[in-house]
Amino acid sequence: MQKIGQGTLTSGRTCSGTLRAVETVQDVLRLMKTDLSETILLTSSASATAVIPLFSKVKGVVCTAGGATSHLAIVAREFDLPCMMGSEMSSAPELDGRAVLFNEQGEIFLQG
């Protein structure tokens, strides 16, 4: 596994799955029509109200902004959803569709 980033785990535990970038309401609507059971959402918005409808269907969330008191982190805790906030990752835009793992130490790894 190759380490690609670091963040702050604000809820849950180690999580692995396929990253799916979500930046717009159109992205949310598109993803709602797919199987999200192995999906980790990747977003840059810590407020992220638009992604909340996906929380009951995904494995986790990685956000490149915010922290433990951000709206996204608070709601993720309510859903008992693994959530990594303030994530700094190399090549974040190119990670859509890639398998990743994040752990309790805040490390993010590319799998495979």
Protein backbone atom coordinates (compact mmCIF):
# COMPACT_ATOMS: atom_id res chain seq x y z
CA MET A 1 0.00 0.00 0.00
CA GLN A 2 1.16 3.51 -0.82
CA LYS A 3 0.50 6.33 1.66
CA ILE A 4 -1.19 9.18 -0.20
CA GLY A 5 -2.35 11.45 2.59
CA GLN A 6 -3.07 12.35 6.17
CA GLY A 7 -6.14 13.67 7.96
CA THR A 8 -8.00 13.57 11.26
CA LEU A 9 -10.31 10.67 11.97
CA THR A 10 -13.38 12.30 13.55
CA SER A 11 -15.63 9.25 13.76
CA GLY A 12 -15.56 5.53 13.22
CA ARG A 13 -12.56 3.31 12.68
CA THR A 14 -10.41 2.04 9.83
CA CYS A 15 -12.33 2.07 6.55
CA SER A 16 -11.59 0.79 3.06
CA GLY A 17 -13.50 1.23 -0.16
CA THR A 18 -13.64 3.04 -3.48
CA LEU A 19 -13.40 6.83 -3.47
CA ARG A 20 -16.13 8.71 -5.31
CA ALA A 21 -15.74 12.46 -5.72
CA VAL A 22 -18.82 14.47 -4.77
CA GLU A 23 -18.75 18.23 -5.28
CA THR A 24 -22.16 19.16 -6.66
CA VAL A 25 -25.82 18.27 -6.23
CA GLN A 26 -25.60 16.68 -9.69
CA ASP A 27 -22.85 14.37 -8.37
CA VAL A 28 -25.13 13.34 -5.48
CA LEU A 29 -28.05 12.67 -7.82
CA ARG A 30 -25.84 10.62 -10.14
CA LEU A 31 -24.45 8.52 -7.27
CA MET A 32 -27.90 7.90 -5.76
CA LYS A 33 -28.64 5.71 -8.79
CA THR A 34 -25.67 3.40 -8.14
CA ASP A 35 -24.61 0.75 -5.62
CA LEU A 36 -22.70 2.66 -2.94
CA SER A 37 -22.06 -0.22 -0.54
CA GLU A 38 -18.28 -0.10 -1.12
CA THR A 39 -18.05 3.69 -1.55
CA ILE A 40 -16.10 6.27 0.42
CA LEU A 41 -17.24 9.78 -0.46
CA LEU A 42 -14.54 12.33 -1.28
CA THR A 43 -15.57 15.96 -0.87
CA SER A 44 -13.93 19.32 -0.36
CA SER A 45 -16.86 20.91 1.50
CA ALA A 46 -16.98 20.55 5.28
CA SER A 47 -20.56 21.88 5.33
CA ALA A 48 -21.60 19.24 2.78
CA THR A 49 -25.33 19.34 3.35
CA ALA A 50 -25.86 17.98 -0.17
CA VAL A 51 -24.05 14.68 0.56
CA ILE A 52 -26.10 13.79 3.66
CA PRO A 53 -28.68 11.75 1.65
CA LEU A 54 -25.83 9.37 0.71
CA PHE A 55 -24.66 8.72 4.30
CA SER A 56 -26.92 5.73 4.91
CA LYS A 57 -25.58 4.04 1.76
CA VAL A 58 -21.79 4.53 1.94
CA LYS A 59 -18.90 3.08 3.95
CA GLY A 60 -17.17 6.35 4.87
CA VAL A 61 -16.27 9.95 4.06
CA VAL A 62 -13.01 11.76 3.33
CA CYS A 63 -13.10 15.56 3.35
CA THR A 64 -10.20 17.80 2.37
CA ALA A 65 -11.42 20.62 4.62
CA GLY A 66 -12.77 21.12 8.12
CA GLY A 67 -12.28 19.39 11.42
CA ALA A 68 -14.07 17.63 14.26
CA THR A 69 -16.61 20.43 14.75
CA SER A 70 -17.53 20.78 11.06
CA HIS A 71 -21.13 20.01 10.08
CA LEU A 72 -20.01 17.04 7.98
CA ALA A 73 -18.09 15.49 10.89
CA ILE A 74 -20.96 15.98 13.34
CA VAL A 75 -23.50 14.35 11.03
CA ALA A 76 -21.09 11.50 10.22
CA ARG A 77 -20.85 10.77 13.96
CA GLU A 78 -24.64 10.65 14.17
CA PHE A 79 -24.63 8.07 11.36
CA ASP A 80 -21.72 6.20 13.03
CA LEU A 81 -19.90 6.63 9.71
CA PRO A 82 -16.10 6.56 9.48
CA CYS A 83 -15.07 10.11 8.63
CA MET A 84 -11.67 11.64 7.87
CA MET A 85 -11.56 15.46 7.97
CA GLY A 86 -8.92 18.02 6.97
CA SER A 87 -7.34 15.45 4.68
CA GLU A 88 -4.26 16.44 2.74
CA MET A 89 -3.82 14.09 -0.19
CA SER A 90 -1.57 14.04 -3.19
CA SER A 91 -3.52 14.10 -6.45
CA ALA A 92 -6.97 14.22 -4.78
CA PRO A 93 -8.86 15.00 -8.04
CA GLU A 94 -7.33 11.95 -9.75
CA LEU A 95 -8.35 9.56 -6.95
CA ASP A 96 -11.99 9.21 -8.03
CA GLY A 97 -12.68 5.51 -8.54
CA ARG A 98 -9.53 4.34 -6.73
CA ALA A 99 -9.50 1.88 -3.82
CA VAL A 100 -8.26 3.44 -0.57
CA LEU A 101 -7.97 2.69 3.11
CA PHE A 102 -7.85 5.16 5.99
CA ASN A 103 -6.90 4.20 9.52
CA GLU A 104 -7.31 5.41 13.10
CA GLN A 105 -3.96 7.24 12.92
CA GLY A 106 -5.34 9.44 10.13
CA GLU A 107 -3.24 7.88 7.39
CA ILE A 108 -4.76 7.40 3.92
CA PHE A 109 -3.42 4.66 1.65
CA LEU A 110 -3.94 3.75 -1.98
CA GLN A 111 -4.72 0.05 -2.28
CA GLY A 112 -3.63 -2.14 -5.16
